[in-house]
All heavy atoms as atom14 arrays in JSON, in Angstrom:
{
  "sequence": "LRLDDIERIEVVRGPNQASYGANALQGVINIITRLPVQDAGIAAYA",
  "atom14_mask": [
    [1, 1, 1, 1, 1, 1, 1, 1, 0, 0, 0, 0, 0, 0],
    [1, 1, 1, 1, 1, 1, 1, 1, 1, 1, 1, 0, 0, 0],
    [1, 1, 1, 1, 1, 1, 1, 1, 0, 0, 0, 0, 0, 0],
    [1, 1, 1, 1, 1, 1, 1, 1, 0, 0, 0, 0, 0, 0],
    [1, 1, 1, 1, 1, 1, 1, 1, 0, 0, 0, 0, 0, 0],
    [1, 1, 1, 1, 1, 1, 1, 1, 0, 0, 0, 0, 0, 0],
    [1, 1, 1, 1, 1, 1, 1, 1, 1, 0, 0, 0, 0, 0],
    [1, 1, 1, 1, 1, 1, 1, 1, 1, 1, 1, 0, 0, 0],
    [1, 1, 1, 1, 1, 1, 1, 1, 0, 0, 0, 0, 0, 0],
    [1, 1, 1, 1, 1, 1, 1, 1, 1, 0, 0, 0, 0, 0],
    [1, 1, 1, 1, 1, 1, 1, 0, 0, 0, 0, 0, 0, 0],
    [1, 1, 1, 1, 1, 1, 1, 0, 0, 0, 0, 0, 0, 0],
    [1, 1, 1, 1, 1, 1, 1, 1, 1, 1, 1, 0, 0, 0],
    [1, 1, 1, 1, 0, 0, 0, 0, 0, 0, 0, 0, 0, 0],
    [1, 1, 1, 1, 1, 1, 1, 0, 0, 0, 0, 0, 0, 0],
    [1, 1, 1, 1, 1, 1, 1, 1, 0, 0, 0, 0, 0, 0],
    [1, 1, 1, 1, 1, 1, 1, 1, 1, 0, 0, 0, 0, 0],
    [1, 1, 1, 1, 1, 0, 0, 0, 0, 0, 0, 0, 0, 0],
    [1, 1, 1, 1, 1, 1, 0, 0, 0, 0, 0, 0, 0, 0],
    [1, 1, 1, 1, 1, 1, 1, 1, 1, 1, 1, 1, 0, 0],
    [1, 1, 1, 1, 0, 0, 0, 0, 0, 0, 0, 0, 0, 0],
    [1, 1, 1, 1, 1, 0, 0, 0, 0, 0, 0, 0, 0, 0],
    [1, 1, 1, 1, 1, 1, 1, 1, 0, 0, 0, 0, 0, 0],
    [1, 1, 1, 1, 1, 0, 0, 0, 0, 0, 0, 0, 0, 0],
    [1, 1, 1, 1, 1, 1, 1, 1, 0, 0, 0, 0, 0, 0],
    [1, 1, 1, 1, 1, 1, 1, 1, 1, 0, 0, 0, 0, 0],
    [1, 1, 1, 1, 0, 0, 0, 0, 0, 0, 0, 0, 0, 0],
    [1, 1, 1, 1, 1, 1, 1, 0, 0, 0, 0, 0, 0, 0],
    [1, 1, 1, 1, 1, 1, 1, 1, 0, 0, 0, 0, 0, 0],
    [1, 1, 1, 1, 1, 1, 1, 1, 0, 0, 0, 0, 0, 0],
    [1, 1, 1, 1, 1, 1, 1, 1, 0, 0, 0, 0, 0, 0],
    [1, 1, 1, 1, 1, 1, 1, 1, 0, 0, 0, 0, 0, 0],
    [1, 1, 1, 1, 1, 1, 1, 0, 0, 0, 0, 0, 0, 0],
    [1, 1, 1, 1, 1, 1, 1, 1, 1, 1, 1, 0, 0, 0],
    [1, 1, 1, 1, 1, 1, 1, 1, 0, 0, 0, 0, 0, 0],
    [1, 1, 1, 1, 1, 1, 1, 0, 0, 0, 0, 0, 0, 0],
    [1, 1, 1, 1, 1, 1, 1, 0, 0, 0, 0, 0, 0, 0],
    [1, 1, 1, 1, 1, 1, 1, 1, 1, 0, 0, 0, 0, 0],
    [1, 1, 1, 1, 1, 1, 1, 1, 0, 0, 0, 0, 0, 0],
    [1, 1, 1, 1, 1, 0, 0, 0, 0, 0, 0, 0, 0, 0],
    [1, 1, 1, 1, 0, 0, 0, 0, 0, 0, 0, 0, 0, 0],
    [1, 1, 1, 1, 1, 1, 1, 1, 0, 0, 0, 0, 0, 0],
    [1, 1, 1, 1, 1, 0, 0, 0, 0, 0, 0, 0, 0, 0],
    [1, 1, 1, 1, 1, 0, 0, 0, 0, 0, 0, 0, 0, 0],
    [1, 1, 1, 1, 1, 1, 1, 1, 1, 1, 1, 1, 0, 0],
    [1, 1, 1, 1, 1, 0, 0, 0, 0, 0, 0, 0, 0, 0]
  ],
  "atom14_positions": [
    [[6.61, 3.57, 7.97], [5.79, 2.46, 8.42], [6.56, 1.16, 8.2], [7.57, 1.13, 7.49], [4.45, 2.43, 7.69], [4.42, 2.01, 6.22], [3.01, 1.6, 5.82], [4.88, 3.15, 5.32], [0.0, 0.0, 0.0], [0.0, 0.0, 0.0], [0.0, 0.0, 0.0], [0.0, 0.0, 0.0], [0.0, 0.0, 0.0], [0.0, 0.0, 0.0]],
    [[6.06, 0.11, 8.82], [6.72, -1.19, 8.75], [5.77, -2.22, 8.15], [4.6, -1.93, 7.89], [7.18, -1.63, 10.15], [8.14, -0.67, 10.81], [9.48, -0.61, 10.1], [10.2, -1.86, 10.21], [10.81, -2.47, 9.2], [10.76, -1.96, 7.99], [11.46, -3.59, 9.39], [0.0, 0.0, 0.0], [0.0, 0.0, 0.0], [0.0, 0.0, 0.0]],
    [[6.26, -3.42, 7.94], [5.46, -4.46, 7.31], [4.17, -4.74, 8.08], [3.13, -5.02, 7.48], [6.28, -5.74, 7.17], [7.5, -5.66, 6.24], [8.31, -6.94, 6.33], [7.05, -5.42, 4.81], [0.0, 0.0, 0.0], [0.0, 0.0, 0.0], [0.0, 0.0, 0.0], [0.0, 0.0, 0.0], [0.0, 0.0, 0.0], [0.0, 0.0, 0.0]],
    [[4.22, -4.67, 9.4], [3.03, -4.97, 10.2], [1.95, -3.9, 10.07], [0.81, -4.12, 10.47], [3.41, -5.13, 11.68], [3.97, -6.51, 11.97], [5.1, -6.76, 11.54], [3.27, -7.32, 12.59], [0.0, 0.0, 0.0], [0.0, 0.0, 0.0], [0.0, 0.0, 0.0], [0.0, 0.0, 0.0], [0.0, 0.0, 0.0], [0.0, 0.0, 0.0]],
    [[2.28, -2.74, 9.51], [1.3, -1.69, 9.29], [0.53, -1.86, 7.98], [-0.41, -1.12, 7.72], [1.98, -0.32, 9.27], [2.63, 0.02, 10.6], [1.98, -0.19, 11.64], [3.78, 0.49, 10.59], [0.0, 0.0, 0.0], [0.0, 0.0, 0.0], [0.0, 0.0, 0.0], [0.0, 0.0, 0.0], [0.0, 0.0, 0.0], [0.0, 0.0, 0.0]],
    [[0.93, -2.82, 7.16], [0.39, -2.95, 5.8], [-0.67, -4.05, 5.75], [-0.44, -5.17, 6.22], [1.52, -3.25, 4.81], [2.55, -2.12, 4.83], [0.97, -3.44, 3.4], [3.79, -2.41, 4.01], [0.0, 0.0, 0.0], [0.0, 0.0, 0.0], [0.0, 0.0, 0.0], [0.0, 0.0, 0.0], [0.0, 0.0, 0.0], [0.0, 0.0, 0.0]],
    [[-1.81, -3.74, 5.16], [-2.86, -4.73, 4.92], [-2.6, -5.48, 3.62], [-2.66, -6.7, 3.57], [-4.22, -4.05, 4.87], [-5.37, -4.96, 4.47], [-5.6, -6.11, 5.43], [-5.13, -6.03, 6.59], [-6.25, -7.1, 5.05], [0.0, 0.0, 0.0], [0.0, 0.0, 0.0], [0.0, 0.0, 0.0], [0.0, 0.0, 0.0], [0.0, 0.0, 0.0]],
    [[-2.31, -4.75, 2.55], [-1.98, -5.37, 1.27], [-1.31, -4.32, 0.39], [-1.33, -3.13, 0.69], [-3.22, -5.93, 0.56], [-4.16, -4.89, 0.0], [-5.39, -5.53, -0.62], [-6.22, -4.58, -1.33], [-7.11, -3.79, -0.77], [-7.28, -3.82, 0.55], [-7.83, -2.96, -1.5], [0.0, 0.0, 0.0], [0.0, 0.0, 0.0], [0.0, 0.0, 0.0]],
    [[-0.72, -4.78, -0.7], [-0.09, -3.9, -1.68], [-0.64, -4.26, -3.05], [-0.61, -5.43, -3.45], [1.44, -4.03, -1.66], [2.0, -3.73, -0.27], [2.07, -3.1, -2.69], [3.49, -3.95, -0.15], [0.0, 0.0, 0.0], [0.0, 0.0, 0.0], [0.0, 0.0, 0.0], [0.0, 0.0, 0.0], [0.0, 0.0, 0.0], [0.0, 0.0, 0.0]],
    [[-1.15, -3.26, -3.77], [-1.62, -3.46, -5.12], [-0.56, -2.94, -6.09], [-0.14, -1.79, -5.99], [-2.95, -2.76, -5.35], [-4.07, -3.32, -4.49], [-5.41, -2.67, -4.76], [-5.48, -1.83, -5.67], [-6.39, -3.01, -4.07], [0.0, 0.0, 0.0], [0.0, 0.0, 0.0], [0.0, 0.0, 0.0], [0.0, 0.0, 0.0], [0.0, 0.0, 0.0]],
    [[-0.14, -3.79, -7.02], [0.93, -3.46, -7.96], [0.34, -3.47, -9.37], [-0.04, -4.52, -9.88], [2.09, -4.46, -7.86], [3.21, -4.07, -8.82], [2.61, -4.56, -6.44], [0.0, 0.0, 0.0], [0.0, 0.0, 0.0], [0.0, 0.0, 0.0], [0.0, 0.0, 0.0], [0.0, 0.0, 0.0], [0.0, 0.0, 0.0], [0.0, 0.0, 0.0]],
    [[0.23, -2.3, -9.98], [-0.2, -2.19, -11.37], [1.05, -2.33, -12.24], [1.95, -1.5, -12.18], [-0.91, -0.86, -11.65], [-1.36, -0.78, -13.1], [-2.11, -0.69, -10.72], [0.0, 0.0, 0.0], [0.0, 0.0, 0.0], [0.0, 0.0, 0.0], [0.0, 0.0, 0.0], [0.0, 0.0, 0.0], [0.0, 0.0, 0.0], [0.0, 0.0, 0.0]],
    [[1.1, -3.38, -13.06], [2.33, -3.77, -13.73], [2.44, -3.2, -15.15], [2.95, -3.88, -16.05], [2.45, -5.29, -13.77], [2.28, -5.97, -12.43], [2.6, -7.44, -12.46], [2.12, -8.14, -13.62], [0.91, -8.69, -13.71], [0.05, -8.59, -12.71], [0.54, -9.33, -14.81], [0.0, 0.0, 0.0], [0.0, 0.0, 0.0], [0.0, 0.0, 0.0]],
    [[2.0, -1.99, -15.36], [2.11, -1.38, -16.67], [1.8, 0.1, -16.58], [1.39, 0.61, -15.53], [0.0, 0.0, 0.0], [0.0, 0.0, 0.0], [0.0, 0.0, 0.0], [0.0, 0.0, 0.0], [0.0, 0.0, 0.0], [0.0, 0.0, 0.0], [0.0, 0.0, 0.0], [0.0, 0.0, 0.0], [0.0, 0.0, 0.0], [0.0, 0.0, 0.0]],
    [[2.0, 0.84, -17.67], [1.74, 2.28, -17.66], [0.32, 2.59, -17.16], [-0.64, 1.95, -17.58], [1.92, 2.68, -19.12], [2.85, 1.65, -19.68], [2.49, 0.37, -18.98], [0.0, 0.0, 0.0], [0.0, 0.0, 0.0], [0.0, 0.0, 0.0], [0.0, 0.0, 0.0], [0.0, 0.0, 0.0], [0.0, 0.0, 0.0], [0.0, 0.0, 0.0]],
    [[0.21, 3.58, -16.28], [-1.09, 3.9, -15.69], [-1.26, 5.41, -15.52], [-1.83, 5.88, -14.55], [-1.23, 3.2, -14.34], [-2.69, 3.03, -13.92], [-3.59, 3.1, -14.74], [-2.91, 2.83, -12.64], [0.0, 0.0, 0.0], [0.0, 0.0, 0.0], [0.0, 0.0, 0.0], [0.0, 0.0, 0.0], [0.0, 0.0, 0.0], [0.0, 0.0, 0.0]],
    [[-0.75, 6.18, -16.5], [-0.86, 7.64, -16.42], [-2.29, 8.12, -16.54], [-2.63, 9.2, -16.06], [0.0, 8.29, -17.51], [1.49, 8.11, -17.3], [2.05, 6.95, -18.12], [1.35, 5.98, -18.36], [3.29, 7.05, -18.53], [0.0, 0.0, 0.0], [0.0, 0.0, 0.0], [0.0, 0.0, 0.0], [0.0, 0.0, 0.0], [0.0, 0.0, 0.0]],
    [[-3.17, 7.34, -17.18], [-4.56, 7.76, -17.32], [-5.24, 7.93, -15.97], [-6.17, 8.73, -15.84], [-5.33, 6.74, -18.17], [0.0, 0.0, 0.0], [0.0, 0.0, 0.0], [0.0, 0.0, 0.0], [0.0, 0.0, 0.0], [0.0, 0.0, 0.0], [0.0, 0.0, 0.0], [0.0, 0.0, 0.0], [0.0, 0.0, 0.0], [0.0, 0.0, 0.0]],
    [[-4.78, 7.2, -14.96], [-5.37, 7.31, -13.62], [-4.55, 8.19, -12.69], [-5.12, 8.85, -11.81], [-5.51, 5.91, -12.99], [-6.46, 5.13, -13.68], [0.0, 0.0, 0.0], [0.0, 0.0, 0.0], [0.0, 0.0, 0.0], [0.0, 0.0, 0.0], [0.0, 0.0, 0.0], [0.0, 0.0, 0.0], [0.0, 0.0, 0.0], [0.0, 0.0, 0.0]],
    [[-3.22, 8.21, -12.86], [-2.37, 8.9, -11.89], [-1.39, 9.9, -12.5], [-0.63, 10.54, -11.79], [-1.6, 7.88, -11.06], [-2.52, 7.04, -10.21], [-2.93, 5.78, -10.63], [-3.0, 7.53, -9.0], [-3.8, 5.02, -9.86], [-3.87, 6.76, -8.22], [-4.26, 5.51, -8.66], [-5.11, 4.77, -7.9], [0.0, 0.0, 0.0], [0.0, 0.0, 0.0]],
    [[-1.38, 10.05, -13.82], [-0.59, 11.09, -14.43], [0.85, 10.72, -14.68], [1.28, 9.57, -14.51], [0.0, 0.0, 0.0], [0.0, 0.0, 0.0], [0.0, 0.0, 0.0], [0.0, 0.0, 0.0], [0.0, 0.0, 0.0], [0.0, 0.0, 0.0], [0.0, 0.0, 0.0], [0.0, 0.0, 0.0], [0.0, 0.0, 0.0], [0.0, 0.0, 0.0]],
    [[1.61, 11.74, -15.12], [3.02, 11.55, -15.43], [3.74, 10.95, -14.24], [3.42, 11.25, -13.09], [3.66, 12.89, -15.81], [0.0, 0.0, 0.0], [0.0, 0.0, 0.0], [0.0, 0.0, 0.0], [0.0, 0.0, 0.0], [0.0, 0.0, 0.0], [0.0, 0.0, 0.0], [0.0, 0.0, 0.0], [0.0, 0.0, 0.0], [0.0, 0.0, 0.0]],
    [[4.71, 10.1, -14.53], [5.55, 9.38, -13.57], [5.0, 8.01, -13.22], [5.66, 7.25, -12.52], [5.82, 10.19, -12.3], [6.48, 11.51, -12.59], [7.24, 11.64, -13.53], [6.17, 12.53, -11.79], [0.0, 0.0, 0.0], [0.0, 0.0, 0.0], [0.0, 0.0, 0.0], [0.0, 0.0, 0.0], [0.0, 0.0, 0.0], [0.0, 0.0, 0.0]],
    [[3.79, 7.66, -13.7], [3.31, 6.29, -13.56], [3.64, 5.5, -14.82], [2.89, 4.65, -15.26], [1.8, 6.28, -13.31], [0.0, 0.0, 0.0], [0.0, 0.0, 0.0], [0.0, 0.0, 0.0], [0.0, 0.0, 0.0], [0.0, 0.0, 0.0], [0.0, 0.0, 0.0], [0.0, 0.0, 0.0], [0.0, 0.0, 0.0], [0.0, 0.0, 0.0]],
    [[4.82, 5.78, -15.4], [5.17, 5.22, -16.7], [5.38, 3.71, -16.65], [4.98, 3.0, -17.57], [6.44, 5.91, -17.21], [6.89, 5.56, -18.62], [7.38, 6.8, -19.36], [8.03, 4.54, -18.57], [0.0, 0.0, 0.0], [0.0, 0.0, 0.0], [0.0, 0.0, 0.0], [0.0, 0.0, 0.0], [0.0, 0.0, 0.0], [0.0, 0.0, 0.0]],
    [[5.99, 3.19, -15.6], [6.19, 1.74, -15.48], [5.09, 1.07, -14.67], [5.07, -0.15, -14.57], [7.53, 1.45, -14.82], [8.73, 1.69, -15.7], [10.0, 1.13, -15.09], [10.16, 1.08, -13.87], [10.93, 0.7, -15.92], [0.0, 0.0, 0.0], [0.0, 0.0, 0.0], [0.0, 0.0, 0.0], [0.0, 0.0, 0.0], [0.0, 0.0, 0.0]],
    [[4.21, 1.83, -14.07], [3.16, 1.26, -13.25], [3.0, 2.02, -11.96], [3.56, 3.1, -11.75], [0.0, 0.0, 0.0], [0.0, 0.0, 0.0], [0.0, 0.0, 0.0], [0.0, 0.0, 0.0], [0.0, 0.0, 0.0], [0.0, 0.0, 0.0], [0.0, 0.0, 0.0], [0.0, 0.0, 0.0], [0.0, 0.0, 0.0], [0.0, 0.0, 0.0]],
    [[2.2, 1.43, -11.07], [1.88, 2.06, -9.79], [1.94, 1.01, -8.69], [1.44, -0.11, -8.86], [0.47, 2.69, -9.82], [0.12, 3.3, -8.46], [0.36, 3.75, -10.91], [0.0, 0.0, 0.0], [0.0, 0.0, 0.0], [0.0, 0.0, 0.0], [0.0, 0.0, 0.0], [0.0, 0.0, 0.0], [0.0, 0.0, 0.0], [0.0, 0.0, 0.0]],
    [[2.55, 1.37, -7.58], [2.52, 0.57, -6.35], [1.7, 1.33, -5.33], [2.02, 2.48, -5.01], [3.93, 0.31, -5.81], [4.71, -0.61, -6.75], [3.89, -0.29, -4.41], [6.18, -0.77, -6.38], [0.0, 0.0, 0.0], [0.0, 0.0, 0.0], [0.0, 0.0, 0.0], [0.0, 0.0, 0.0], [0.0, 0.0, 0.0], [0.0, 0.0, 0.0]],
    [[0.63, 0.73, -4.84], [-0.22, 1.37, -3.84], [-0.15, 0.55, -2.55], [-0.65, -0.58, -2.49], [-1.66, 1.46, -4.33], [-2.53, 2.33, -3.45], [-2.03, 3.02, -2.56], [-3.83, 2.32, -3.68], [0.0, 0.0, 0.0], [0.0, 0.0, 0.0], [0.0, 0.0, 0.0], [0.0, 0.0, 0.0], [0.0, 0.0, 0.0], [0.0, 0.0, 0.0]],
    [[0.49, 1.12, -1.52], [0.62, 0.46, -0.22], [-0.6, 0.83, 0.62], [-0.81, 2.0, 0.94], [1.91, 0.9, 0.48], [3.13, 0.56, -0.39], [2.04, 0.24, 1.85], [4.43, 1.15, 0.12], [0.0, 0.0, 0.0], [0.0, 0.0, 0.0], [0.0, 0.0, 0.0], [0.0, 0.0, 0.0], [0.0, 0.0, 0.0], [0.0, 0.0, 0.0]],
    [[-1.42, -0.14, 0.94], [-2.68, 0.09, 1.66], [-2.5, -0.38, 3.1], [-2.2, -1.55, 3.35], [-3.84, -0.66, 0.98], [-3.99, -0.15, -0.47], [-5.14, -0.47, 1.75], [-4.97, -0.94, -1.3], [0.0, 0.0, 0.0], [0.0, 0.0, 0.0], [0.0, 0.0, 0.0], [0.0, 0.0, 0.0], [0.0, 0.0, 0.0], [0.0, 0.0, 0.0]],
    [[-2.65, 0.54, 4.03], [-2.34, 0.26, 5.43], [-3.53, -0.35, 6.16], [-4.68, -0.32, 5.7], [-1.89, 1.53, 6.15], [-2.95, 2.51, 6.09], [-0.65, 2.11, 5.5], [0.0, 0.0, 0.0], [0.0, 0.0, 0.0], [0.0, 0.0, 0.0], [0.0, 0.0, 0.0], [0.0, 0.0, 0.0], [0.0, 0.0, 0.0], [0.0, 0.0, 0.0]],
    [[-3.25, -0.88, 7.33], [-4.28, -1.46, 8.19], [-5.17, -0.37, 8.77], [-4.72, 0.73, 9.08], [-3.63, -2.22, 9.34], [-2.71, -3.34, 8.91], [-3.44, -4.63, 8.72], [-3.89, -5.19, 9.98], [-4.63, -6.31, 10.07], [-5.01, -6.94, 8.97], [-4.98, -6.78, 11.24], [0.0, 0.0, 0.0], [0.0, 0.0, 0.0], [0.0, 0.0, 0.0]],
    [[-6.46, -0.67, 8.92], [-7.4, 0.25, 9.54], [-7.33, 0.1, 11.06], [-7.01, -0.97, 11.58], [-8.82, -0.03, 9.06], [-9.07, 0.14, 7.56], [-10.48, -0.33, 7.22], [-8.83, 1.56, 7.13], [0.0, 0.0, 0.0], [0.0, 0.0, 0.0], [0.0, 0.0, 0.0], [0.0, 0.0, 0.0], [0.0, 0.0, 0.0], [0.0, 0.0, 0.0]],
    [[-7.65, 1.17, 11.81], [-7.64, 1.06, 13.27], [-8.54, -0.06, 13.79], [-8.19, -0.73, 14.77], [-8.11, 2.43, 13.73], [-7.69, 3.35, 12.64], [-7.86, 2.56, 11.38], [0.0, 0.0, 0.0], [0.0, 0.0, 0.0], [0.0, 0.0, 0.0], [0.0, 0.0, 0.0], [0.0, 0.0, 0.0], [0.0, 0.0, 0.0], [0.0, 0.0, 0.0]],
    [[-9.69, -0.27, 13.15], [-10.61, -1.31, 13.63], [-10.05, -2.71, 13.44], [-10.53, -3.67, 14.05], [-11.97, -1.19, 12.93], [-12.65, 0.12, 13.3], [-11.82, -1.3, 11.41], [0.0, 0.0, 0.0], [0.0, 0.0, 0.0], [0.0, 0.0, 0.0], [0.0, 0.0, 0.0], [0.0, 0.0, 0.0], [0.0, 0.0, 0.0], [0.0, 0.0, 0.0]],
    [[-9.03, -2.86, 12.58], [-8.43, -4.17, 12.36], [-7.4, -4.53, 13.41], [-7.0, -5.69, 13.51], [-7.78, -4.22, 10.97], [-8.76, -4.11, 9.81], [-8.04, -4.06, 8.48], [-7.37, -3.09, 8.15], [-8.15, -5.12, 7.71], [0.0, 0.0, 0.0], [0.0, 0.0, 0.0], [0.0, 0.0, 0.0], [0.0, 0.0, 0.0], [0.0, 0.0, 0.0]],
    [[-6.94, -3.53, 14.17], [-5.83, -3.77, 15.09], [-6.12, -3.19, 16.47], [-5.3, -2.46, 17.04], [-4.54, -3.16, 14.55], [-3.91, -4.01, 13.46], [-4.08, -5.23, 13.5], [-3.27, -3.45, 12.56], [0.0, 0.0, 0.0], [0.0, 0.0, 0.0], [0.0, 0.0, 0.0], [0.0, 0.0, 0.0], [0.0, 0.0, 0.0], [0.0, 0.0, 0.0]],
    [[-7.27, -3.5, 17.01], [-7.56, -3.07, 18.37], [-6.67, -3.85, 19.34], [-6.37, -5.03, 19.13], [-9.03, -3.29, 18.69], [0.0, 0.0, 0.0], [0.0, 0.0, 0.0], [0.0, 0.0, 0.0], [0.0, 0.0, 0.0], [0.0, 0.0, 0.0], [0.0, 0.0, 0.0], [0.0, 0.0, 0.0], [0.0, 0.0, 0.0], [0.0, 0.0, 0.0]],
    [[-6.23, -3.19, 20.4], [-5.37, -3.84, 21.38], [-3.91, -3.46, 21.2], [-3.58, -2.48, 20.52], [0.0, 0.0, 0.0], [0.0, 0.0, 0.0], [0.0, 0.0, 0.0], [0.0, 0.0, 0.0], [0.0, 0.0, 0.0], [0.0, 0.0, 0.0], [0.0, 0.0, 0.0], [0.0, 0.0, 0.0], [0.0, 0.0, 0.0], [0.0, 0.0, 0.0]],
    [[-3.03, -4.26, 21.78], [-1.59, -3.98, 21.79], [-0.86, -5.17, 21.18], [-1.25, -6.33, 21.39], [-1.09, -3.73, 23.23], [-1.81, -2.53, 23.84], [0.42, -3.51, 23.25], [-1.5, -2.33, 25.31], [0.0, 0.0, 0.0], [0.0, 0.0, 0.0], [0.0, 0.0, 0.0], [0.0, 0.0, 0.0], [0.0, 0.0, 0.0], [0.0, 0.0, 0.0]],
    [[0.18, -4.88, 20.43], [1.01, -5.93, 19.85], [2.46, -5.46, 19.81], [2.74, -4.26, 19.77], [0.53, -6.32, 18.46], [0.0, 0.0, 0.0], [0.0, 0.0, 0.0], [0.0, 0.0, 0.0], [0.0, 0.0, 0.0], [0.0, 0.0, 0.0], [0.0, 0.0, 0.0], [0.0, 0.0, 0.0], [0.0, 0.0, 0.0], [0.0, 0.0, 0.0]],
    [[3.38, -6.44, 19.81], [4.81, -6.12, 19.76], [5.52, -7.16, 18.91], [5.09, -8.32, 18.84], [5.41, -6.08, 21.17], [0.0, 0.0, 0.0], [0.0, 0.0, 0.0], [0.0, 0.0, 0.0], [0.0, 0.0, 0.0], [0.0, 0.0, 0.0], [0.0, 0.0, 0.0], [0.0, 0.0, 0.0], [0.0, 0.0, 0.0], [0.0, 0.0, 0.0]],
    [[6.59, -6.73, 18.28], [7.4, -7.6, 17.44], [8.86, -7.29, 17.72], [9.25, -6.11, 17.85], [7.08, -7.36, 15.96], [8.03, -8.02, 14.99], [7.83, -9.32, 14.56], [9.14, -7.33, 14.48], [8.7, -9.93, 13.66], [10.02, -7.93, 13.59], [9.79, -9.23, 13.18], [10.65, -9.84, 12.3], [0.0, 0.0, 0.0], [0.0, 0.0, 0.0]],
    [[9.68, -8.31, 17.8], [11.12, -8.12, 18.01], [11.87, -9.17, 17.21], [11.45, -10.33, 17.14], [11.47, -8.22, 19.49], [0.0, 0.0, 0.0], [0.0, 0.0, 0.0], [0.0, 0.0, 0.0], [0.0, 0.0, 0.0], [0.0, 0.0, 0.0], [0.0, 0.0, 0.0], [0.0, 0.0, 0.0], [0.0, 0.0, 0.0], [0.0, 0.0, 0.0]]
  ]
}
């Protein structure tokens, strides 16, 4: 995906294994994409 597909990014800036388990030792980055209802129609970027 590209930047235009992203609605927002939530960055948990510390250990978060209690919610997501091993490997979330430094934190969690959750990339939340745009919903179809937010982008009706056609768009282009160059």
